[in-house]
Protein backbone atom coordinates (compact mmCIF):
# COMPACT_ATOMS: atom_id res chain seq x y z
CA MET A 1 123.07 130.08 75.30
CA ILE A 2 120.35 127.69 76.40
CA SER A 3 116.57 127.67 76.64
CA VAL A 4 115.40 125.14 79.23
CA VAL A 5 112.02 123.51 78.63
CA ILE A 6 110.22 121.76 81.50
CA PRO A 7 106.82 120.05 80.98
CA THR A 8 104.65 120.17 84.10
CA PHE A 9 101.39 118.80 85.43
CA ASN A 10 100.75 119.30 89.16
CA ALA A 11 104.49 119.36 89.80
CA GLU A 12 104.58 121.55 92.91
CA ALA A 13 106.33 118.90 95.01
CA HIS A 14 109.57 118.94 93.01
CA LEU A 15 109.59 121.84 90.56
CA ALA A 16 111.36 124.26 92.90
CA GLU A 17 114.33 121.90 93.25
CA THR A 18 114.49 121.41 89.49
CA LEU A 19 114.56 125.17 88.97
CA THR A 20 117.10 125.71 91.75
CA SER A 21 119.55 123.35 90.04
CA LEU A 22 119.55 125.72 87.06
CA VAL A 23 120.56 128.79 89.06
CA PRO A 24 124.40 128.49 88.73
CA ALA A 25 124.12 128.26 84.94
CA ALA A 26 121.70 131.20 84.88
CA VAL A 27 124.14 133.29 86.91
CA ASP A 28 126.94 132.39 84.47
CA GLY A 29 124.78 133.34 81.50
CA LEU A 30 124.59 129.81 80.08
CA VAL A 31 120.87 129.42 80.78
CA ARG A 32 119.08 132.43 79.27
CA GLU A 33 115.44 131.40 79.71
CA VAL A 34 113.37 128.72 81.40
CA ILE A 35 110.06 127.74 79.82
CA VAL A 36 107.51 125.80 81.84
CA ALA A 37 105.07 124.12 79.45
CA ASP A 38 102.09 123.35 81.65
CA GLY A 39 99.36 120.88 80.82
CA GLY A 40 96.68 122.22 83.15
CA SER A 41 98.07 122.10 86.68
CA THR A 42 95.63 122.74 89.52
CA ASP A 43 98.19 122.96 92.32
CA ARG A 44 100.90 125.60 92.97
CA THR A 45 103.00 124.68 89.93
CA LEU A 46 102.36 127.90 88.02
CA GLU A 47 102.88 130.01 91.13
CA ILE A 48 106.28 128.40 91.70
CA ALA A 49 107.26 128.80 88.05
CA ASP A 50 106.20 132.45 87.98
CA GLY A 51 108.02 133.18 91.24
CA ALA A 52 111.22 131.77 89.75
CA GLY A 53 110.92 133.99 86.69
CA ALA A 54 110.12 131.20 84.26
CA GLU A 55 108.06 131.83 81.16
CA ILE A 56 104.81 129.86 81.27
CA VAL A 57 103.29 128.23 78.22
CA LYS A 58 99.82 126.73 78.71
CA CYS A 59 99.07 123.88 76.35
CA ALA A 60 97.31 120.54 75.98
CA ALA A 61 98.39 117.94 78.54
CA GLY A 62 100.74 115.22 77.34
CA ARG A 63 104.50 115.42 77.64
CA GLY A 64 105.19 115.13 73.91
CA ALA A 65 102.77 117.95 73.14
CA GLN A 66 104.13 120.06 76.00
CA LEU A 67 107.76 119.60 74.96
CA LYS A 68 106.84 120.55 71.42
CA ALA A 69 104.98 123.68 72.60
CA GLY A 70 107.83 124.74 74.87
CA ALA A 71 110.42 124.30 72.13
CA ALA A 72 108.31 126.39 69.76
CA ARG A 73 108.49 129.29 72.24
CA ALA A 74 112.24 128.98 72.91
CA ARG A 75 114.46 131.78 71.57
CA PHE A 76 118.03 130.55 72.05
CA PRO A 77 120.26 128.29 69.90
CA TRP A 78 120.42 125.35 72.34
CA LEU A 79 117.54 123.55 74.03
CA LEU A 80 117.65 121.59 77.28
CA PHE A 81 114.61 119.44 78.04
CA LEU A 82 114.14 118.35 81.65
CA ASN A 83 111.41 116.48 83.51
CA ALA A 84 109.82 118.37 86.40
CA ASP A 85 110.68 115.63 88.91
CA THR A 86 114.40 115.61 88.14
CA TYR A 87 117.21 117.96 89.07
CA LEU A 88 120.75 118.42 87.80
CA ASP A 89 123.72 117.57 89.98
CA ILE A 90 126.40 120.08 90.98
CA GLY A 91 128.79 120.94 88.14
CA TRP A 92 126.50 119.92 85.29
CA GLU A 93 126.93 123.25 83.56
CA ARG A 94 130.66 122.61 82.95
CA GLU A 95 129.91 119.44 80.99
CA VAL A 96 127.12 121.11 79.02
CA ASN A 97 129.30 124.08 78.16
CA LEU A 98 132.12 121.75 77.06
CA HIS A 99 129.78 119.80 74.79
CA ILE A 100 128.45 122.98 73.20
CA GLU A 101 131.95 124.40 72.68
CA ARG A 102 133.16 121.19 71.05
CA VAL A 103 130.18 120.96 68.71
CA GLU A 104 130.27 124.62 67.72
CA GLY A 105 134.06 124.52 67.37
CA GLY A 106 133.96 121.49 65.07
CA ARG A 107 135.85 119.24 67.49
CA ARG A 108 132.78 117.01 67.96
CA ARG A 109 130.25 116.12 65.32
CA VAL A 110 126.85 117.75 65.61
CA SER A 111 125.10 115.74 68.31
CA ALA A 112 122.59 115.88 71.14
CA ALA A 113 123.45 114.73 74.66
CA SER A 114 121.81 113.26 77.72
CA PHE A 115 122.91 112.98 81.36
CA ARG A 116 123.82 110.00 83.52
CA PHE A 117 120.69 108.61 85.17
CA THR A 118 120.72 108.53 88.99
CA LEU A 119 117.96 107.78 91.49
CA ASP A 120 117.79 109.61 94.82
CA ASP A 121 116.97 106.34 96.57
CA GLU A 122 118.98 103.87 98.61
CA GLY A 123 119.35 100.14 98.21
CA LEU A 124 120.17 97.41 95.71
CA MET A 125 117.26 97.98 93.32
CA PRO A 126 118.05 101.66 92.60
CA ARG A 127 121.70 100.85 91.91
CA THR A 128 120.72 97.90 89.71
CA LEU A 129 118.32 100.07 87.74
CA GLU A 130 120.99 102.73 87.26
CA THR A 131 123.30 100.06 85.83
CA LEU A 132 120.60 98.81 83.45
CA VAL A 133 119.88 102.34 82.26
CA SER A 134 123.60 102.92 81.71
CA LEU A 135 123.82 99.76 79.60
CA ARG A 136 120.74 100.69 77.58
CA THR A 137 122.01 104.19 76.95
CA GLY A 138 125.49 102.99 76.04
CA LEU A 139 124.55 100.03 73.87
CA LEU A 140 121.28 101.12 72.29
CA LYS A 141 121.75 104.90 72.51
CA LEU A 142 118.18 105.29 73.78
CA PRO A 143 118.14 107.81 76.61
CA TYR A 144 114.73 108.40 78.19
CA GLY A 145 113.21 111.71 79.19
CA ASP A 146 114.34 111.46 82.81
CA GLN A 147 117.94 111.68 81.55
CA GLY A 148 117.33 115.09 80.01
CA LEU A 149 118.13 116.05 76.44
CA LEU A 150 120.51 118.80 75.31
CA ILE A 151 120.17 119.58 71.60
CA SER A 152 120.87 122.49 69.31
CA ARG A 153 117.91 124.22 67.73
CA ALA A 154 119.30 123.41 64.28
CA LEU A 155 119.52 119.68 65.00
CA TYR A 156 116.14 119.67 66.75
CA ASP A 157 114.51 121.20 63.69
CA GLU A 158 116.41 118.89 61.34
CA VAL A 159 114.98 115.74 62.96
CA GLY A 160 111.50 117.22 63.28
CA GLY A 161 111.42 117.85 67.04
CA PHE A 162 109.17 116.07 69.52
CA ASP A 163 106.01 114.42 68.29
CA PRO A 164 102.86 114.76 70.45
CA LEU A 165 102.69 111.02 71.13
CA PRO A 166 100.78 109.53 74.09
CA LEU A 167 104.05 108.03 75.41
CA MET A 168 107.60 107.18 74.34
CA GLU A 169 108.16 110.58 72.73
CA ASP A 170 111.66 110.46 74.20
CA VAL A 171 112.53 107.15 72.51
CA ASP A 172 110.97 108.38 69.28
CA ILE A 173 113.22 111.43 69.00
CA ALA A 174 116.27 109.39 70.06
CA ARG A 175 115.61 106.95 67.22
CA ARG A 176 115.37 109.81 64.74
CA LEU A 177 118.61 111.29 66.01
CA GLY A 178 120.40 107.97 65.61
CA ARG A 179 123.27 106.40 67.53
CA SER A 180 125.98 108.60 66.03
CA ARG A 181 124.29 111.84 67.10
CA LEU A 182 123.73 111.05 70.77
CA ALA A 183 126.34 111.50 73.49
CA VAL A 184 126.23 110.94 77.26
CA LEU A 185 127.65 113.74 79.39
CA ASN A 186 129.79 113.07 82.44
CA ALA A 187 127.21 114.75 84.66
CA ARG A 188 124.29 113.37 86.60
CA VAL A 189 120.60 114.09 86.57
CA MET A 190 118.81 112.98 89.73
CA THR A 191 115.37 111.37 89.44
CA ARG A 192 112.95 111.01 92.32
CA GLY A 193 112.65 107.40 93.44
CA GLU A 194 109.17 107.72 94.89
CA HIS A 195 107.43 106.71 91.65
CA TYR A 196 109.45 103.49 91.58
CA ARG A 197 108.82 102.76 95.24
CA ARG A 198 105.11 103.36 94.84
CA GLU A 199 104.70 101.18 91.75
CA GLY A 200 107.40 98.67 92.66
CA TYR A 201 110.79 98.54 90.95
CA LEU A 202 110.27 95.14 89.36
CA SER A 203 106.81 95.97 88.07
CA ARG A 204 107.91 99.26 86.58
CA VAL A 205 111.02 97.82 84.92
CA ALA A 206 109.06 94.87 83.48
CA ARG A 207 106.45 97.20 82.00
CA SER A 208 109.15 99.46 80.63
CA GLN A 209 110.98 96.65 78.88
CA ALA A 210 107.74 95.32 77.43
CA CYS A 211 106.92 98.76 76.02
CA LEU A 212 110.39 99.19 74.57
CA GLY A 213 110.36 95.72 73.06
CA LEU A 214 107.00 96.33 71.38
CA TYR A 215 108.19 99.67 70.07
CA LEU A 216 111.42 98.25 68.65
CA ILE A 217 109.58 95.53 66.71
CA GLY A 218 107.37 98.16 65.13
CA VAL A 219 104.17 98.18 67.19
CA PRO A 220 102.61 101.66 66.86
CA VAL A 221 102.91 103.85 69.95
CA ARG A 222 99.17 104.40 70.18
CA THR A 223 98.64 100.62 70.16
CA ILE A 224 101.13 100.27 73.02
CA ALA A 225 99.27 103.00 74.92
CA THR A 226 96.00 101.11 74.46
CA LEU A 227 97.59 97.88 75.71
CA LEU A 228 98.69 99.76 78.84
CA GLY A 229 95.16 100.97 79.42
CA ARG A 230 95.98 104.56 78.52
CA SER A 231 94.31 106.81 76.02
CA PRO A 232 95.94 106.41 72.60
CA GLU A 233 95.73 110.17 72.20
CA PRO A 234 98.32 112.49 73.79
CA VAL A 235 95.82 114.86 75.38
CA GLY A 236 95.12 114.16 79.03
CA GLU A 237 98.30 112.26 79.89
CA PRO A 238 100.16 113.70 82.90
CA ALA A 239 103.58 115.20 82.26
CA VAL A 240 105.25 113.95 85.44
CA GLY A 241 106.09 110.37 86.26
CA ARG A 242 105.53 108.85 82.81
CA SER A 243 109.16 108.21 81.90
CA LEU A 244 110.06 104.62 81.34
CA PRO A 245 113.02 103.52 83.48
């Protein structure tokens, strides 16, 4: 039984599709609640969430803080964190259910899981980026937030949950989980390509790799945020479109 947590900030353009992708699992009883942790949206985000029957948690803006607030409200033994501009591909619930059954049945060690990263964009650059993400996830075991994160409540609490960082909260929790407690499901999560097209694929990837490199050599996250021209504090950062590729 899963609680889904979705951080939002002016996410009206894509939230409905994200929520719709959860419907088959809700019908089957796998998804028991959806929590939208909103950081102060001024568009129709809350109206869409309420219309879909989601529970709304209003909290300080900043994806790390919002994920933490949503998880604190969740009532069920498994948590699924999703970005508001992603949606799960057909059949995802079978892979999630299989992972949960194997972990709870002792056939797989206690572990979290992410999805295969896919962009809903055409061309060479999207496919190249998907390959790079696959290599990073496979070799470094560092899935980002736009790949989703499925984790049991017990394991989430054991590693201390999400920290309200100004960025890279997804990498931070992945590092605390460790390589041996992260799996990749044979199911896709689709990410909107418009952010990449708007910023430029090469520019976004270069910035991402610079951030990751600084983080891995021990530069504090708040220092990295300052170097990027962002506030070093989590409050005020938008919850959509901040994932590193």
